[in-house]
Amino acid sequence: MTITNEVNTSGARRVGYIQVKTFTDLGMRVVQNGWLNISSPEPMYSTTPEDNMDNLPANKVYFLLNAQAKTDTAIVFTVYQDNATLSSSETWAVPETTTFSAGRHNVRISLEPNPTTSSRTATLTLTSAGVNTPISIIQSAKE
């Protein structure tokens, strides 16, 4: 048996079921998220009790990385197609690599020291197969 699926560009979580009928019925729930597979930082959810978790929109999920004022950081993700990209909204937060083949990647993010007395935010955008997932980096103020 071969099972394939298409890239989820719906912007929401999709849920399906696989059922095999034999002497005993076997079933498995399959969930495909509307955001990319980012392992670190872990996803956080801004949901309410009324939200349907089976059809969770991507805008209810966010990725937040807190960084020290003088320390580089890293993100970990898996993409399933070649030519994925990672970009940054700020020049002080630069990914060491910006184009990726299919597979798991651990990417160092070079952070310039924060010279200010306020925290600052950069947004990394991971893009693959038409799906964009933002990752916010909040860098603390200088010490």
Foldseek 3Di string as FASTA:
>chain_A
DDDDDDQQCPQWKAKDKDWDDDVDIDMDIDIDGNAFFWVPPDKDFQDDPPDDNNTGGNVRIAAEAEAEQDDKDKTKGFDAAFFKFKDKPDPQWAWPDGGGGGGIDIIIIHGHGAAAQAKDKMWMWIDDPNGIHIHIYIYHHDD
